C-alpha atoms as a PDB file:
ATOM      1  CA  MET A   1       0.000   0.000   0.000  1.00  0.00           C
ATOM      2  CA  SER A   2       2.923   2.366   0.290  1.00  0.00           C
ATOM      3  CA  SER A   3       2.962   2.786  -3.476  1.00  0.00           C
ATOM      4  CA  ALA A   4      -0.476   4.451  -3.462  1.00  0.00           C
ATOM      5  CA  ARG A   5      -0.551   8.001  -4.833  1.00  0.00           C
ATOM      6  CA  LYS A   6      -1.170  10.849  -2.444  1.00  0.00           C
ATOM      7  CA  ILE A   7      -3.942  13.164  -3.507  1.00  0.00           C
ATOM      8  CA  LYS A   8      -3.453  16.869  -2.903  1.00  0.00           C
ATOM      9  CA  LEU A   9      -6.630  18.821  -2.463  1.00  0.00           C
ATOM     10  CA  LYS A  10      -6.562  22.394  -3.773  1.00  0.00           C
ATOM     11  CA  LEU A  11      -8.993  24.845  -2.179  1.00  0.00           C
ATOM     12  CA  LYS A  12      -9.642  28.341  -3.457  1.00  0.00           C
ATOM     13  CA  ALA A  13      -9.003  31.101  -0.951  1.00  0.00           C
ATOM     14  CA  PRO A  14     -12.176  33.098  -0.257  1.00  0.00           C
ATOM     15  CA  LYS A  15     -12.459  36.580  -1.711  1.00  0.00           C
ATOM     16  CA  PRO A  16     -11.086  39.111   0.814  1.00  0.00           C
ATOM     17  CA  ARG A  17     -13.650  41.334   2.496  1.00  0.00           C
ATOM     18  CA  ASN A  18     -13.623  45.092   2.142  1.00  0.00           C
ATOM     19  CA  PRO A  19     -12.358  46.390   5.523  1.00  0.00           C
ATOM     20  CA  LEU A  20     -13.952  49.810   5.003  1.00  0.00           C
ATOM     21  CA  VAL A  21     -17.439  48.352   4.703  1.00  0.00           C
ATOM     22  CA  ALA A  22     -17.045  46.282   7.867  1.00  0.00           C
ATOM     23  CA  ALA A  23     -15.946  49.358   9.811  1.00  0.00           C
ATOM     24  CA  ALA A  24     -18.901  51.388   8.538  1.00  0.00           C
ATOM     25  CA  ILE A  25     -21.402  48.702   9.523  1.00  0.00           C
ATOM     26  CA  GLN A  26     -19.905  48.331  12.990  1.00  0.00           C
ATOM     27  CA  ARG A  27     -20.208  52.007  13.797  1.00  0.00           C
ATOM     28  CA  LYS A  28     -23.726  52.196  12.325  1.00  0.00           C
ATOM     29  CA  ALA A  29     -22.926  54.882   9.769  1.00  0.00           C
ATOM     30  CA  GLY A  30     -25.869  56.987   8.666  1.00  0.00           C
ATOM     31  CA  ALA A  31     -28.720  58.949  10.178  1.00  0.00           C
ATOM     32  CA  HIS A  32     -29.054  59.016  13.963  1.00  0.00           C
ATOM     33  CA  ARG A  33     -32.407  57.441  14.553  1.00  0.00           C
ATOM     34  CA  LYS A  34     -33.828  54.405  16.259  1.00  0.00           C
ATOM     35  CA  SER A  35     -34.152  51.153  14.360  1.00  0.00           C
ATOM     36  CA  ALA A  36     -37.554  49.850  13.283  1.00  0.00           C
ATOM     37  CA  SER A  37     -37.468  47.179  15.970  1.00  0.00           C
ATOM     38  CA  ALA A  38     -36.686  49.766  18.665  1.00  0.00           C
ATOM     39  CA  LEU A  39     -39.626  51.908  17.523  1.00  0.00           C
ATOM     40  CA  ARG A  40     -41.926  48.880  17.473  1.00  0.00           C
ATOM     41  CA  HIS A  41     -40.795  47.920  20.985  1.00  0.00           C
ATOM     42  CA  ALA A  42     -41.401  51.454  22.282  1.00  0.00           C
ATOM     43  CA  GLU A  43     -44.914  51.477  20.790  1.00  0.00           C
ATOM     44  CA  LYS A  44     -45.676  48.137  22.401  1.00  0.00           C
ATOM     45  CA  GLN A  45     -44.497  49.408  25.785  1.00  0.00           C
ATOM     46  CA  ALA A  46     -46.579  52.586  25.447  1.00  0.00           C
ATOM     47  CA  LEU A  47     -49.684  50.542  24.595  1.00  0.00           C
ATOM     48  CA  LYS A  48     -49.180  48.277  27.613  1.00  0.00           C
ATOM     49  CA  LYS A  49     -48.734  51.338  29.837  1.00  0.00           C
ATOM     50  CA  GLN A  50     -52.003  52.870  28.549  1.00  0.00           C
ATOM     51  CA  LEU A  51     -53.896  49.624  29.128  1.00  0.00           C
ATOM     52  CA  ARG A  52     -52.515  49.352  32.678  1.00  0.00           C
ATOM     53  CA  GLU A  53     -53.463  52.927  33.579  1.00  0.00           C
ATOM     54  CA  GLY A  54     -56.982  52.617  32.334  1.00  0.00           C
END
């Protein structure tokens, strides 16, 4: 069995990511406003507060 050929597997390296885009996403570039989920959550809390108070 020592005469068996060794198979070398060649894998393509993944395309490198753009470091500028990653930095922009991490610091949430853009307008300063609450996300849609934050607004939805605030509305839900306000509704619950109104129902509790009467």
